[in-house]
Amino acid sequence: MSTVWNTYRIEDIADKITIGPFGSRMKSDAYVESGVPVIRGTNLTGSKKFSGDWVFISEQLAKQLENCCVSNGDLVFPHRGSIGEVGLVDNQFHQYMMSSSLMKLRCNPNIADSEFIYYFFKSHQGRYELLKNASQVGTPGIGQPLTSLKNIEIKLPSLGEQRKIAKILSDLDDKIHINNQINQTLESIAQALFKSWFVDFDPVRAKIAAKQEGKDAELAAMCAISGKSEIELQQMAEDDFAALRATAALFPDGLVESELGEVPKGWEVSTVGEQVQTVGGGTPSTKNVDFWDDGIHYWTTPKDLSNLTDKILLNTERKITDAGLKKISSGLLPKDTVLMSSRAPVGYLALSKIEVAINQGYIAILPNMKYSAEYLIQWCEANMAEIKGRASGTTFLEISKKNFREINFICSDEKVVTVYTKTAKTLYDEITSKAKENQSLINLRDTLLPKLMSGEISLNKNMGSIDD
């Protein structure tokens, strides 16, 4: 049974509402190497957890600006710039300072649960309330930010029901966050392995060093590949030890000079264009409804990649029809195509797990029998500085397919690539699984959010149960 929902103004449920310091009181030259972290608009990126780089001010300056400090449970909102975002302060740091573009709300804990209020402002209604008084001329801003915030109306159930609702939504967000962390770890493993084998050539260098010292070169390479000591290798299962030795045997025991510097003996230098197929895309006329209405084919722009946390493309904002697809020379690209944005900005990457058509803002890299999608996306990561360095343009930087295809490409031993792919594919399969799970969790959360926050769905006495 649900409780009665009463209407309040934000001012009625607040212990404190303040705005960030005037810009003159906290200029960028006040930043120090460590101290009190400053929350800026760039740290609010749509999730409950803050992200991005931190800047710091001294403890002394923080004391002078004490009224602008925020701590665990406070909510922060931009009143200039990225209006509509909201952040819930956690206890990662003892205290924070808010920047001059933010304002804070500290809830009265006897009336309002701060996490429930956070989710209200994540709902369409809450976001609308934050945006309705904003000017969109020039940099978005709210003329009277504190007054606007104070006067926002919100309906609240009992404090106990607020906490139950917030817990349901928070549990979903926490699971999404955990999956994101797992995926970051898995991708880091794939990236570290690629760098060790195909950039730093660690197994090759280990063999060279061992030979110079009169030691077992294969054993040294096994240590380099596995990260284990010789004693730990001896404790491995027989089959695992044999598989590791077989992998170590694939690496040469010498380096030779090339136009790229030293490369493993027997590995050749080519160009990416000679080794894999690359294609671009296009945009069917947006004025022709025959190309877009009731579209059935995924069609992507780099915007679809800008918010990805996993570099796995599972969906697109828009779809095109059969007629629209015929207007794109590269057609429908297969699953496991590597997508790289070629402009505005250069360098977004994703592994497409759907058949997809692309617009002109991409270079798509098609895997082949030797070079897998998992190998190629890590090759792009490892060579991103070179890729961006070849971009040019006056309005915005862009790398052409011609310039991309000319980038040097080390032709690694095919058997080594195969072993890497086997490991990397396992990692990326798990990343894809977690990304799909997150997609379902996000859809569930976004479906429940407005219904829970409006009382359309009520909770029964069991916290985990929802009444329709």
Foldseek 3Di string as FASTA:
>chain_A
DFFDWDKDFLLVFFPDKWAADDCVLDDPVQWDPDAAWEDEPQQFDLAQGGDDDTTHGHPVSCVVRVSQKAAAQKKKAFQWAPWLTIYGHHVPDGIHGYHRRMMITHGDLQAERSLLVNLCSSAPVNSCLRQVQWDPPDTIGHPDNRVSRRGDMAIGTHRVQSVLLSVVLVVLSVLLVVLLVLLVVLVVVLLVLCCCCPPVNVLLVQLQVQVVVVHDSLLSSLCSNPVDDSVVLVVDDPVVNVVSSVLSVQFANDWDQDPVGTDGPPKDKDFQLVVWDKDFWAFDDPVDCQFFPPADAAEAECVQLPPDSNLEDDGHPGGTHPVNQVVIPVGWAQAQKWKFFFKPNGGRIHGYRHGYGYHRRIMIIDADPQAGSSNVRSVCVVCVVVSQVQWDDDVITGHDPVSRRGHMDIRDDSVSNVVSCVSSVVSVVSSVVSVVVSVVSVVVSNVVSVCSSVVVWGDDPPSVDIHD
